[in-house]
């Protein structure tokens, strides 16, 4: 009886939790189809015109373009920096590594407004460059590289250095060892770090707002639109983002299950082949 009550309590909690989490999104998506300018469910009238209004918004497309440029530059900067830091902290024996680790990880602990303002002052006022999307990318890379480094360190700590030592003993150069052994082993971590870096860059607001100068990003555009009053056009954009996220997650899950199914089939085929070889080889051995 207590186990049954606990099970029902967990189910009720999960139901309330997901309702609290997803109902605002579902309500927001529903209002994207309301013909009224006032975001309310009263006097609901179906329409698609807000999607057209969002599509024709030039400022939104400019912000989206800047967000993609920033995310691309963040990937080019944060991934190599994070990998270099992870390799140094996990492979090399040097004094003061805890201090180096604390320094490399400190941007994660710093407030975003501090990173944004300091990057803006350094590049714009001290170096004399015009602030723009590239200064925002450099500001974001300062803490996103630390996230990537943590992902790479978690992967490298499970790596067997004997594989690299064996390759070096067989005549491979350090470059060949890195490209043919280390990088393939790090591929899952590279994909995870790239996805994290892209999402962290695309949705970042505070650091970007204080470092981009007069330009704007997609997140800043959405925030300014909400500050001026939520319109159904913003709801339409939110609907597209949520649906794209759901489709991407579903596509990834389908691809993952298909890959697992192919691996299972290949494993079973290999086991059957081994069993057939054993059955064929027994009479010959006798």
C-alpha atoms as a PDB file:
ATOM      1  CA  UNK A   1       0.000   0.000   0.000  1.00  0.00           C
ATOM      2  CA  UNK A   2       2.731   2.566   0.825  1.00  0.00           C
ATOM      3  CA  UNK A   3       4.496   1.692  -2.441  1.00  0.00           C
ATOM      4  CA  UNK A   4       1.289   2.284  -4.386  1.00  0.00           C
ATOM      5  CA  UNK A   5       0.744   5.644  -2.669  1.00  0.00           C
ATOM      6  CA  UNK A   6       4.320   6.638  -3.444  1.00  0.00           C
ATOM      7  CA  UNK A   7       3.849   5.688  -7.095  1.00  0.00           C
ATOM      8  CA  UNK A   8       0.666   7.737  -7.387  1.00  0.00           C
ATOM      9  CA  UNK A   9       2.322  10.670  -5.601  1.00  0.00           C
ATOM     10  CA  UNK A  10       5.232  10.602  -8.065  1.00  0.00           C
ATOM     11  CA  UNK A  11       2.828  10.442 -11.014  1.00  0.00           C
ATOM     12  CA  UNK A  12       0.805  13.355  -9.669  1.00  0.00           C
ATOM     13  CA  UNK A  13       3.947  15.386  -9.088  1.00  0.00           C
ATOM     14  CA  UNK A  14       5.203  14.716 -12.635  1.00  0.00           C
ATOM     15  CA  UNK A  15       1.806  15.660 -14.060  1.00  0.00           C
ATOM     16  CA  UNK A  16       1.759  18.971 -12.156  1.00  0.00           C
ATOM     17  CA  UNK A  17       5.387  19.637 -13.051  1.00  0.00           C
ATOM     18  CA  UNK A  18       4.939  19.139 -16.786  1.00  0.00           C
ATOM     19  CA  UNK A  19       1.690  21.087 -16.759  1.00  0.00           C
ATOM     20  CA  UNK A  20       3.446  23.987 -15.031  1.00  0.00           C
ATOM     21  CA  UNK A  21       6.326  23.732 -17.501  1.00  0.00           C
ATOM     22  CA  UNK A  22       4.462  23.253 -20.782  1.00  0.00           C
ATOM     23  CA  UNK A  23       1.117  25.008 -20.368  1.00  0.00           C
ATOM     24  CA  UNK A  24       2.539  28.557 -20.803  1.00  0.00           C
ATOM     25  CA  UNK A  25       4.244  27.436 -24.023  1.00  0.00           C
ATOM     26  CA  UNK A  26       1.080  25.783 -25.316  1.00  0.00           C
ATOM     27  CA  UNK A  27      -0.963  28.883 -24.428  1.00  0.00           C
ATOM     28  CA  UNK A  28       1.567  31.140 -26.160  1.00  0.00           C
ATOM     29  CA  UNK A  29       1.485  28.968 -29.295  1.00  0.00           C
ATOM     30  CA  UNK A  30      -2.314  29.040 -29.325  1.00  0.00           C
ATOM     31  CA  UNK A  31      -2.401  32.839 -29.212  1.00  0.00           C
ATOM     32  CA  UNK A  32      -0.208  32.984 -32.315  1.00  0.00           C
ATOM     33  CA  UNK A  33      -3.329  32.019 -34.290  1.00  0.00           C
ATOM     34  CA  UNK A  34      -5.603  34.609 -32.665  1.00  0.00           C
ATOM     35  CA  UNK A  35      -6.713  37.434 -34.953  1.00  0.00           C
ATOM     36  CA  UNK A  36      -6.882  39.945 -32.093  1.00  0.00           C
ATOM     37  CA  UNK A  37      -3.907  42.193 -31.410  1.00  0.00           C
ATOM     38  CA  UNK A  38      -4.445  41.780 -27.674  1.00  0.00           C
ATOM     39  CA  UNK A  39      -2.958  38.418 -26.566  1.00  0.00           C
ATOM     40  CA  UNK A  40      -6.008  36.832 -24.961  1.00  0.00           C
ATOM     41  CA  UNK A  41      -8.040  33.684 -25.422  1.00  0.00           C
ATOM     42  CA  UNK A  42     -11.343  35.620 -25.310  1.00  0.00           C
ATOM     43  CA  UNK A  43     -13.141  36.117 -28.617  1.00  0.00           C
ATOM     44  CA  UNK A  44     -10.668  33.787 -30.322  1.00  0.00           C
ATOM     45  CA  UNK A  45     -10.640  34.049 -34.117  1.00  0.00           C
ATOM     46  CA  UNK A  46      -8.300  31.853 -36.153  1.00  0.00           C
ATOM     47  CA  UNK A  47      -5.806  33.570 -38.477  1.00  0.00           C
ATOM     48  CA  UNK A  48      -2.344  33.091 -39.979  1.00  0.00           C
ATOM     49  CA  UNK A  49      -1.605  36.742 -40.645  1.00  0.00           C
ATOM     50  CA  UNK A  50       0.773  37.110 -37.700  1.00  0.00           C
ATOM     51  CA  UNK A  51       3.132  34.610 -39.277  1.00  0.00           C
ATOM     52  CA  UNK A  52       3.228  36.829 -42.361  1.00  0.00           C
ATOM     53  CA  UNK A  53       3.830  39.892 -40.197  1.00  0.00           C
ATOM     54  CA  UNK A  54       6.729  38.164 -38.471  1.00  0.00           C
ATOM     55  CA  UNK A  55       8.133  37.004 -41.822  1.00  0.00           C
ATOM     56  CA  UNK A  56       8.136  40.565 -43.156  1.00  0.00           C
ATOM     57  CA  UNK A  57       9.845  42.024 -40.073  1.00  0.00           C
ATOM     58  CA  UNK A  58      13.247  43.160 -41.322  1.00  0.00           C
ATOM     59  CA  UNK A  59      14.665  43.814 -37.852  1.00  0.00           C
ATOM     60  CA  UNK A  60      13.968  40.236 -36.859  1.00  0.00           C
ATOM     61  CA  UNK A  61      15.886  38.871 -39.865  1.00  0.00           C
ATOM     62  CA  UNK A  62      18.807  41.214 -39.193  1.00  0.00           C
ATOM     63  CA  UNK A  63      18.912  40.034 -35.582  1.00  0.00           C
ATOM     64  CA  UNK A  64      18.732  36.400 -36.668  1.00  0.00           C
ATOM     65  CA  UNK A  65      21.594  36.916 -39.122  1.00  0.00           C
ATOM     66  CA  UNK A  66      23.733  38.524 -36.410  1.00  0.00           C
ATOM     67  CA  UNK A  67      22.922  35.666 -34.022  1.00  0.00           C
ATOM     68  CA  UNK A  68      24.068  33.096 -36.585  1.00  0.00           C
ATOM     69  CA  UNK A  69      27.282  35.007 -37.312  1.00  0.00           C
ATOM     70  CA  UNK A  70      27.998  35.268 -33.588  1.00  0.00           C
ATOM     71  CA  UNK A  71      27.305  31.578 -32.991  1.00  0.00           C
ATOM     72  CA  UNK A  72      29.567  30.607 -35.900  1.00  0.00           C
ATOM     73  CA  UNK A  73      32.463  32.698 -34.595  1.00  0.00           C
ATOM     74  CA  UNK A  74      31.911  31.368 -31.082  1.00  0.00           C
ATOM     75  CA  UNK A  75      32.260  27.819 -32.408  1.00  0.00           C
ATOM     76  CA  UNK A  76      35.521  28.704 -34.167  1.00  0.00           C
ATOM     77  CA  UNK A  77      36.955  30.277 -31.004  1.00  0.00           C
ATOM     78  CA  UNK A  78      35.461  28.322 -28.092  1.00  0.00           C
ATOM     79  CA  UNK A  79      35.973  24.766 -29.381  1.00  0.00           C
ATOM     80  CA  UNK A  80      39.777  25.039 -29.987  1.00  0.00           C
ATOM     81  CA  UNK A  81      40.305  27.009 -26.770  1.00  0.00           C
ATOM     82  CA  UNK A  82      38.275  24.545 -24.726  1.00  0.00           C
ATOM     83  CA  UNK A  83      40.048  21.548 -26.262  1.00  0.00           C
ATOM     84  CA  UNK A  84      43.479  23.085 -25.681  1.00  0.00           C
ATOM     85  CA  UNK A  85      42.650  23.807 -22.050  1.00  0.00           C
ATOM     86  CA  UNK A  86      41.291  20.305 -21.502  1.00  0.00           C
ATOM     87  CA  UNK A  87      44.353  18.654 -23.067  1.00  0.00           C
ATOM     88  CA  UNK A  88      46.689  20.773 -20.955  1.00  0.00           C
ATOM     89  CA  UNK A  89      44.862  20.063 -17.690  1.00  0.00           C
ATOM     90  CA  UNK A  90      44.484  16.308 -18.282  1.00  0.00           C
ATOM     91  CA  UNK A  91      47.698  15.373 -20.113  1.00  0.00           C
ATOM     92  CA  UNK A  92      50.533  17.612 -18.945  1.00  0.00           C
ATOM     93  CA  UNK A  93      52.149  17.590 -15.528  1.00  0.00           C
ATOM     94  CA  UNK A  94      52.935  21.163 -14.603  1.00  0.00           C
ATOM     95  CA  UNK A  95      53.033  23.087 -11.324  1.00  0.00           C
ATOM     96  CA  UNK A  96      50.122  25.345 -10.543  1.00  0.00           C
ATOM     97  CA  UNK A  97      47.511  23.389 -12.504  1.00  0.00           C
ATOM     98  CA  UNK A  98      44.788  24.062  -9.881  1.00  0.00           C
ATOM     99  CA  UNK A  99      45.426  27.785 -10.278  1.00  0.00           C
ATOM    100  CA  UNK A 100      45.254  27.495 -14.072  1.00  0.00           C
ATOM    101  CA  UNK A 101      42.023  25.511 -13.764  1.00  0.00           C
ATOM    102  CA  UNK A 102      40.507  28.179 -11.501  1.00  0.00           C
ATOM    103  CA  UNK A 103      41.488  30.918 -13.946  1.00  0.00           C
ATOM    104  CA  UNK A 104      40.065  29.081 -16.964  1.00  0.00           C
ATOM    105  CA  UNK A 105      36.814  28.277 -15.195  1.00  0.00           C
ATOM    106  CA  UNK A 106      36.326  31.737 -13.657  1.00  0.00           C
ATOM    107  CA  UNK A 107      34.412  33.253 -16.643  1.00  0.00           C
ATOM    108  CA  UNK A 108      31.542  30.872 -15.898  1.00  0.00           C
ATOM    109  CA  UNK A 109      31.243  32.360 -12.409  1.00  0.00           C
ATOM    110  CA  UNK A 110      31.468  35.974 -13.573  1.00  0.00           C
ATOM    111  CA  UNK A 111      28.156  37.801 -14.192  1.00  0.00           C
ATOM    112  CA  UNK A 112      27.285  38.210 -17.850  1.00  0.00           C
ATOM    113  CA  UNK A 113      26.969  41.968 -17.502  1.00  0.00           C
ATOM    114  CA  UNK A 114      30.586  42.141 -16.293  1.00  0.00           C
ATOM    115  CA  UNK A 115      31.855  40.131 -19.255  1.00  0.00           C
ATOM    116  CA  UNK A 116      29.821  42.212 -21.688  1.00  0.00           C
ATOM    117  CA  UNK A 117      30.831  45.622 -20.355  1.00  0.00           C
ATOM    118  CA  UNK A 118      34.507  44.677 -19.972  1.00  0.00           C
ATOM    119  CA  UNK A 119      34.644  43.333 -23.540  1.00  0.00           C
ATOM    120  CA  UNK A 120      32.935  46.453 -24.862  1.00  0.00           C
ATOM    121  CA  UNK A 121      35.323  48.789 -23.007  1.00  0.00           C
ATOM    122  CA  UNK A 122      38.424  46.844 -24.069  1.00  0.00           C
ATOM    123  CA  UNK A 123      37.652  46.461 -27.771  1.00  0.00           C
ATOM    124  CA  UNK A 124      35.765  49.693 -28.341  1.00  0.00           C
ATOM    125  CA  UNK A 125      37.348  52.276 -26.058  1.00  0.00           C
ATOM    126  CA  UNK A 126      40.850  50.894 -25.494  1.00  0.00           C
ATOM    127  CA  UNK A 127      41.581  49.190 -28.837  1.00  0.00           C
ATOM    128  CA  UNK A 128      39.533  51.637 -30.906  1.00  0.00           C
ATOM    129  CA  UNK A 129      37.480  49.046 -32.790  1.00  0.00           C
ATOM    130  CA  UNK A 130      33.819  49.525 -33.598  1.00  0.00           C
ATOM    131  CA  UNK A 131      31.652  47.315 -31.405  1.00  0.00           C
ATOM    132  CA  UNK A 132      29.477  44.863 -33.283  1.00  0.00           C
ATOM    133  CA  UNK A 133      28.536  41.233 -33.573  1.00  0.00           C
ATOM    134  CA  UNK A 134      32.179  40.132 -33.502  1.00  0.00           C
ATOM    135  CA  UNK A 135      32.833  41.795 -30.126  1.00  0.00           C
ATOM    136  CA  UNK A 136      29.750  40.028 -28.794  1.00  0.00           C
ATOM    137  CA  UNK A 137      31.151  36.732 -30.117  1.00  0.00           C
ATOM    138  CA  UNK A 138      34.478  37.311 -28.359  1.00  0.00           C
ATOM    139  CA  UNK A 139      32.687  38.198 -25.125  1.00  0.00           C
ATOM    140  CA  UNK A 140      30.577  35.048 -25.310  1.00  0.00           C
ATOM    141  CA  UNK A 141      33.582  32.872 -26.131  1.00  0.00           C
ATOM    142  CA  UNK A 142      35.236  33.858 -22.854  1.00  0.00           C
ATOM    143  CA  UNK A 143      32.748  31.752 -20.849  1.00  0.00           C
ATOM    144  CA  UNK A 144      31.450  29.320 -23.467  1.00  0.00           C
ATOM    145  CA  UNK A 145      35.015  28.041 -23.979  1.00  0.00           C
ATOM    146  CA  UNK A 146      35.031  27.085 -20.290  1.00  0.00           C
ATOM    147  CA  UNK A 147      31.859  24.997 -20.748  1.00  0.00           C
ATOM    148  CA  UNK A 148      33.453  23.257 -23.731  1.00  0.00           C
ATOM    149  CA  UNK A 149      36.603  22.612 -21.702  1.00  0.00           C
ATOM    150  CA  UNK A 150      34.610  20.848 -18.980  1.00  0.00           C
ATOM    151  CA  UNK A 151      32.954  18.585 -21.571  1.00  0.00           C
ATOM    152  CA  UNK A 152      36.320  17.727 -23.133  1.00  0.00           C
ATOM    153  CA  UNK A 153      37.907  17.066 -19.733  1.00  0.00           C
ATOM    154  CA  UNK A 154      35.145  14.634 -18.798  1.00  0.00           C
ATOM    155  CA  UNK A 155      35.805  12.720 -22.021  1.00  0.00           C
ATOM    156  CA  UNK A 156      39.604  12.804 -21.814  1.00  0.00           C
ATOM    157  CA  UNK A 157      39.641  11.550 -18.230  1.00  0.00           C
ATOM    158  CA  UNK A 158      38.191   8.244 -19.497  1.00  0.00           C
ATOM    159  CA  UNK A 159      40.726   7.950 -22.320  1.00  0.00           C
ATOM    160  CA  UNK A 160      43.471   5.294 -22.117  1.00  0.00           C
ATOM    161  CA  UNK A 161      46.846   6.947 -22.871  1.00  0.00           C
ATOM    162  CA  UNK A 162      48.253   3.516 -23.755  1.00  0.00           C
ATOM    163  CA  UNK A 163      46.540   3.803 -27.147  1.00  0.00           C
ATOM    164  CA  UNK A 164      48.554   6.894 -28.010  1.00  0.00           C
ATOM    165  CA  UNK A 165      51.753   5.368 -26.611  1.00  0.00           C
ATOM    166  CA  UNK A 166      51.270   2.266 -28.745  1.00  0.00           C
ATOM    167  CA  UNK A 167      50.752   4.381 -31.852  1.00  0.00           C
ATOM    168  CA  UNK A 168      53.915   6.364 -31.112  1.00  0.00           C
ATOM    169  CA  UNK A 169      55.867   3.134 -30.604  1.00  0.00           C
ATOM    170  CA  UNK A 170      54.678   1.937 -34.031  1.00  0.00           C
ATOM    171  CA  UNK A 171      56.125   5.032 -35.697  1.00  0.00           C
ATOM    172  CA  UNK A 172      53.199   7.437 -35.830  1.00  0.00           C
ATOM    173  CA  UNK A 173      53.911  11.140 -35.441  1.00  0.00           C
ATOM    174  CA  UNK A 174      52.220  13.155 -32.657  1.00  0.00           C
ATOM    175  CA  UNK A 175      50.077  14.852 -35.317  1.00  0.00           C
ATOM    176  CA  UNK A 176      48.919  11.500 -36.700  1.00  0.00           C
ATOM    177  CA  UNK A 177      48.172  10.226 -33.193  1.00  0.00           C
ATOM    178  CA  UNK A 178      46.084  13.298 -32.427  1.00  0.00           C
ATOM    179  CA  UNK A 179      44.122  13.223 -35.707  1.00  0.00           C
ATOM    180  CA  UNK A 180      43.598   9.450 -35.977  1.00  0.00           C
ATOM    181  CA  UNK A 181      43.231   8.391 -32.336  1.00  0.00           C
ATOM    182  CA  UNK A 182      42.435  11.332 -30.067  1.00  0.00           C
ATOM    183  CA  UNK A 183      40.054  13.225 -32.356  1.00  0.00           C
ATOM    184  CA  UNK A 184      37.909  10.150 -33.265  1.00  0.00           C
ATOM    185  CA  UNK A 185      37.658   9.314 -29.581  1.00  0.00           C
ATOM    186  CA  UNK A 186      36.671  12.911 -28.824  1.00  0.00           C
ATOM    187  CA  UNK A 187      34.030  13.053 -31.582  1.00  0.00           C
ATOM    188  CA  UNK A 188      30.989  12.649 -29.260  1.00  0.00           C
ATOM    189  CA  UNK A 189      32.367  15.334 -26.951  1.00  0.00           C
ATOM    190  CA  UNK A 190      33.078  17.603 -29.920  1.00  0.00           C
ATOM    191  CA  UNK A 191      29.484  17.296 -31.128  1.00  0.00           C
ATOM    192  CA  UNK A 192      28.129  17.898 -27.613  1.00  0.00           C
ATOM    193  CA  UNK A 193      30.372  20.910 -27.058  1.00  0.00           C
ATOM    194  CA  UNK A 194      29.475  22.366 -30.457  1.00  0.00           C
ATOM    195  CA  UNK A 195      25.738  21.991 -29.763  1.00  0.00           C
ATOM    196  CA  UNK A 196      26.118  23.522 -26.300  1.00  0.00           C
ATOM    197  CA  UNK A 197      28.230  26.399 -27.623  1.00  0.00           C
ATOM    198  CA  UNK A 198      25.752  27.165 -30.397  1.00  0.00           C
ATOM    199  CA  UNK A 199      22.733  27.139 -28.084  1.00  0.00           C
ATOM    200  CA  UNK A 200      24.503  29.128 -25.357  1.00  0.00           C
ATOM    201  CA  UNK A 201      25.516  31.740 -27.923  1.00  0.00           C
ATOM    202  CA  UNK A 202      22.169  31.917 -29.706  1.00  0.00           C
ATOM    203  CA  UNK A 203      20.081  32.418 -26.559  1.00  0.00           C
ATOM    204  CA  UNK A 204      22.516  34.638 -24.655  1.00  0.00           C
ATOM    205  CA  UNK A 205      21.161  38.063 -23.804  1.00  0.00           C
ATOM    206  CA  UNK A 206      23.044  39.815 -20.997  1.00  0.00           C
ATOM    207  CA  UNK A 207      26.614  39.496 -22.274  1.00  0.00           C
ATOM    208  CA  UNK A 208      25.527  40.158 -25.849  1.00  0.00           C
ATOM    209  CA  UNK A 209      23.417  43.199 -24.984  1.00  0.00           C
ATOM    210  CA  UNK A 210      26.312  45.017 -23.287  1.00  0.00           C
ATOM    211  CA  UNK A 211      28.992  44.082 -25.844  1.00  0.00           C
ATOM    212  CA  UNK A 212      27.332  44.346 -29.248  1.00  0.00           C
ATOM    213  CA  UNK A 213      27.019  48.125 -29.327  1.00  0.00           C
ATOM    214  CA  UNK A 214      24.324  49.532 -31.594  1.00  0.00           C
ATOM    215  CA  UNK A 215      23.585  46.238 -33.342  1.00  0.00           C
ATOM    216  CA  UNK A 216      21.024  43.646 -32.295  1.00  0.00           C
ATOM    217  CA  UNK A 217      20.547  39.905 -32.185  1.00  0.00           C
ATOM    218  CA  UNK A 218      17.509  37.691 -32.404  1.00  0.00           C
ATOM    219  CA  UNK A 219      17.304  37.391 -28.610  1.00  0.00           C
ATOM    220  CA  UNK A 220      17.627  41.147 -28.147  1.00  0.00           C
ATOM    221  CA  UNK A 221      14.908  41.694 -30.757  1.00  0.00           C
ATOM    222  CA  UNK A 222      12.543  39.348 -28.917  1.00  0.00           C
ATOM    223  CA  UNK A 223      13.324  41.003 -25.563  1.00  0.00           C
ATOM    224  CA  UNK A 224      12.712  44.486 -26.963  1.00  0.00           C
ATOM    225  CA  UNK A 225       9.462  43.335 -28.548  1.00  0.00           C
ATOM    226  CA  UNK A 226       8.264  41.880 -25.251  1.00  0.00           C
ATOM    227  CA  UNK A 227       9.269  45.064 -23.420  1.00  0.00           C
ATOM    228  CA  UNK A 228       7.132  47.098 -25.800  1.00  0.00           C
ATOM    229  CA  UNK A 229       4.214  44.724 -25.366  1.00  0.00           C
ATOM    230  CA  UNK A 230       3.762  41.145 -26.525  1.00  0.00           C
ATOM    231  CA  UNK A 231       2.161  41.021 -29.958  1.00  0.00           C
ATOM    232  CA  UNK A 232       0.836  37.990 -31.812  1.00  0.00           C
ATOM    233  CA  UNK A 233       3.800  38.343 -34.213  1.00  0.00           C
ATOM    234  CA  UNK A 234       6.143  37.513 -31.330  1.00  0.00           C
ATOM    235  CA  UNK A 235       3.889  34.585 -30.454  1.00  0.00           C
ATOM    236  CA  UNK A 236       4.183  33.390 -34.051  1.00  0.00           C
ATOM    237  CA  UNK A 237       7.979  33.507 -33.829  1.00  0.00           C
ATOM    238  CA  UNK A 238       7.839  31.596 -30.547  1.00  0.00           C
ATOM    239  CA  UNK A 239       5.568  28.992 -32.173  1.00  0.00           C
ATOM    240  CA  UNK A 240       8.090  28.442 -34.984  1.00  0.00           C
ATOM    241  CA  UNK A 241      10.986  28.131 -32.517  1.00  0.00           C
ATOM    242  CA  UNK A 242       9.159  25.630 -30.315  1.00  0.00           C
ATOM    243  CA  UNK A 243       8.057  23.516 -33.280  1.00  0.00           C
ATOM    244  CA  UNK A 244      11.560  23.560 -34.771  1.00  0.00           C
ATOM    245  CA  UNK A 245      12.964  22.420 -31.425  1.00  0.00           C
ATOM    246  CA  UNK A 246      10.425  19.601 -31.146  1.00  0.00           C
ATOM    247  CA  UNK A 247      11.080  18.441 -34.712  1.00  0.00           C
ATOM    248  CA  UNK A 248      14.849  18.552 -34.208  1.00  0.00           C
ATOM    249  CA  UNK A 249      14.589  16.555 -30.982  1.00  0.00           C
ATOM    250  CA  UNK A 250      12.265  14.019 -32.596  1.00  0.00           C
ATOM    251  CA  UNK A 251      14.553  13.695 -35.622  1.00  0.00           C
ATOM    252  CA  UNK A 252      17.575  13.146 -33.399  1.00  0.00           C
ATOM    253  CA  UNK A 253      15.750  10.519 -31.344  1.00  0.00           C
ATOM    254  CA  UNK A 254      14.575   8.684 -34.480  1.00  0.00           C
ATOM    255  CA  UNK A 255      18.106   8.721 -35.940  1.00  0.00           C
ATOM    256  CA  UNK A 256      19.550   7.490 -32.640  1.00  0.00           C
ATOM    257  CA  UNK A 257      17.115   4.592 -32.407  1.00  0.00           C
ATOM    258  CA  UNK A 258      17.748   3.613 -36.021  1.00  0.00           C
ATOM    259  CA  UNK A 259      21.499   3.635 -35.385  1.00  0.00           C
ATOM    260  CA  UNK A 260      21.024   1.459 -32.293  1.00  0.00           C
ATOM    261  CA  UNK A 261      18.829  -0.907 -34.287  1.00  0.00           C
ATOM    262  CA  UNK A 262      21.470  -1.180 -37.013  1.00  0.00           C
ATOM    263  CA  UNK A 263      24.159  -1.886 -34.423  1.00  0.00           C
ATOM    264  CA  UNK A 264      21.995  -4.572 -32.806  1.00  0.00           C
ATOM    265  CA  UNK A 265      21.356  -6.211 -36.179  1.00  0.00           C
ATOM    266  CA  UNK A 266      25.053  -6.120 -37.029  1.00  0.00           C
ATOM    267  CA  UNK A 267      25.917  -7.618 -33.641  1.00  0.00           C
ATOM    268  CA  UNK A 268      23.383 -10.413 -34.051  1.00  0.00           C
ATOM    269  CA  UNK A 269      24.607 -11.122 -37.577  1.00  0.00           C
ATOM    270  CA  UNK A 270      28.179 -11.340 -36.288  1.00  0.00           C
ATOM    271  CA  UNK A 271      27.092 -13.714 -33.511  1.00  0.00           C
ATOM    272  CA  UNK A 272      25.240 -15.931 -36.003  1.00  0.00           C
ATOM    273  CA  UNK A 273      28.269 -15.980 -38.277  1.00  0.00           C
ATOM    274  CA  UNK A 274      30.491 -17.034 -35.369  1.00  0.00           C
ATOM    275  CA  UNK A 275      28.073 -19.784 -34.371  1.00  0.00           C
ATOM    276  CA  UNK A 276      27.929 -21.071 -37.954  1.00  0.00           C
ATOM    277  CA  UNK A 277      31.716 -21.123 -38.157  1.00  0.00           C
ATOM    278  CA  UNK A 278      31.880 -23.091 -34.905  1.00  0.00           C
ATOM    279  CA  UNK A 279      29.266 -25.590 -36.129  1.00  0.00           C
ATOM    280  CA  UNK A 280      31.065 -26.040 -39.443  1.00  0.00           C
ATOM    281  CA  UNK A 281      34.451 -26.357 -37.774  1.00  0.00           C
ATOM    282  CA  UNK A 282      33.446 -29.043 -35.224  1.00  0.00           C
ATOM    283  CA  UNK A 283      33.104 -31.969 -37.685  1.00  0.00           C
ATOM    284  CA  UNK A 284      36.333 -30.961 -39.380  1.00  0.00           C
ATOM    285  CA  UNK A 285      38.123 -30.948 -36.044  1.00  0.00           C
ATOM    286  CA  UNK A 286      36.748 -34.373 -35.263  1.00  0.00           C
END
